[in-house]
Amino acid sequence: MVRIGVAGDGRWGAKYQEQKQSLLTMEFKRFLNVMMRLPCQVLRTGRRIVYRLLSWNPWMEVLLRAVETLRPVRVVPYAARC
């Protein structure tokens, strides 16, 4: 069985594990302020929606890593490939 992106593995494992523990023990009000209440500009370009983050905080790295992990994989039907 292959484990992908598990905290504690690889070069940055210790750092990721520390960030995970800090995030899990964070007070809810602080969690809202650093992860949810972010100034963002929403743009529609072509057939895509772009979210442009307008500020930065030290937790942005964790947020973007989570978004990348949770992003659904796009599966193209076989008929569309032909």
Protein backbone atom coordinates (compact mmCIF):
# COMPACT_ATOMS: atom_id res chain seq x y z
CA MET A 1 0.00 0.00 0.00
CA VAL A 2 1.37 3.44 -0.94
CA ARG A 3 0.95 6.36 1.42
CA ILE A 4 0.94 9.73 -0.30
CA GLY A 5 1.42 13.02 1.55
CA VAL A 6 1.49 11.51 5.03
CA ALA A 7 2.88 13.88 7.65
CA GLY A 8 6.11 12.52 9.06
CA ASP A 9 7.45 11.13 5.80
CA GLY A 10 10.10 12.66 3.60
CA ARG A 11 12.21 15.74 3.81
CA TRP A 12 9.63 18.10 5.30
CA GLY A 13 7.82 15.52 7.43
CA ALA A 14 8.79 16.96 10.80
CA LYS A 15 7.74 20.48 9.75
CA TYR A 16 4.41 19.23 8.36
CA GLN A 17 3.74 17.23 11.53
CA GLU A 18 4.38 20.33 13.66
CA GLN A 19 2.06 22.44 11.47
CA LYS A 20 -0.62 19.76 11.66
CA GLN A 21 -0.45 19.62 15.45
CA SER A 22 -0.58 23.43 15.72
CA LEU A 23 -3.58 23.54 13.40
CA LEU A 24 -5.46 20.84 15.30
CA THR A 25 -4.91 22.54 18.68
CA MET A 26 -5.71 26.05 17.41
CA GLU A 27 -8.66 27.93 18.90
CA PHE A 28 -11.65 28.13 16.57
CA LYS A 29 -11.64 31.94 16.41
CA ARG A 30 -7.98 31.97 15.36
CA PHE A 31 -8.61 29.18 12.84
CA LEU A 32 -11.34 31.28 11.22
CA ASN A 33 -9.08 34.31 11.02
CA VAL A 34 -6.02 32.56 9.55
CA MET A 35 -7.67 29.96 7.27
CA MET A 36 -11.20 31.07 6.36
CA ARG A 37 -11.48 34.85 6.47
CA LEU A 38 -9.03 35.67 3.71
CA PRO A 39 -9.43 38.62 1.38
CA CYS A 40 -9.93 37.12 -2.05
CA GLN A 41 -10.81 38.37 -5.51
CA VAL A 42 -12.97 36.02 -7.58
CA LEU A 43 -12.50 36.20 -11.35
CA ARG A 44 -14.23 34.39 -14.19
CA THR A 45 -11.86 33.88 -17.09
CA GLY A 46 -12.93 31.75 -20.00
CA ARG A 47 -14.34 28.57 -18.50
CA ARG A 48 -12.45 28.82 -15.22
CA ILE A 49 -12.98 30.54 -11.90
CA VAL A 50 -9.80 32.04 -10.43
CA TYR A 51 -9.47 32.89 -6.74
CA ARG A 52 -6.79 35.55 -6.27
CA LEU A 53 -5.61 35.77 -2.67
CA LEU A 54 -4.98 39.40 -1.74
CA SER A 55 -2.97 38.92 1.45
CA TRP A 56 -0.43 36.56 2.96
CA ASN A 57 0.00 34.98 6.37
CA PRO A 58 2.30 32.22 7.67
CA TRP A 59 -0.52 29.65 7.37
CA MET A 60 -0.96 30.21 3.62
CA GLU A 61 1.52 27.40 2.89
CA VAL A 62 -0.64 24.94 4.84
CA LEU A 63 -3.84 26.17 3.18
CA LEU A 64 -2.45 25.84 -0.35
CA ARG A 65 -1.03 22.39 0.40
CA ALA A 66 -4.48 21.31 1.66
CA VAL A 67 -6.20 22.72 -1.43
CA GLU A 68 -3.76 20.85 -3.68
CA THR A 69 -4.40 17.61 -1.77
CA LEU A 70 -8.19 17.99 -1.80
CA ARG A 71 -8.48 19.14 -5.42
CA PRO A 72 -10.50 16.56 -7.34
CA VAL A 73 -8.77 14.70 -10.11
CA ARG A 74 -10.36 15.45 -13.47
CA VAL A 75 -11.21 12.28 -15.34
CA VAL A 76 -11.78 12.66 -19.07
CA PRO A 77 -14.26 10.11 -20.45
CA TYR A 78 -12.81 7.74 -23.03
CA ALA A 79 -15.20 8.97 -25.74
CA ALA A 80 -13.94 12.56 -25.35
CA ARG A 81 -10.30 11.47 -25.87
CA CYS A 82 -10.98 9.93 -29.31
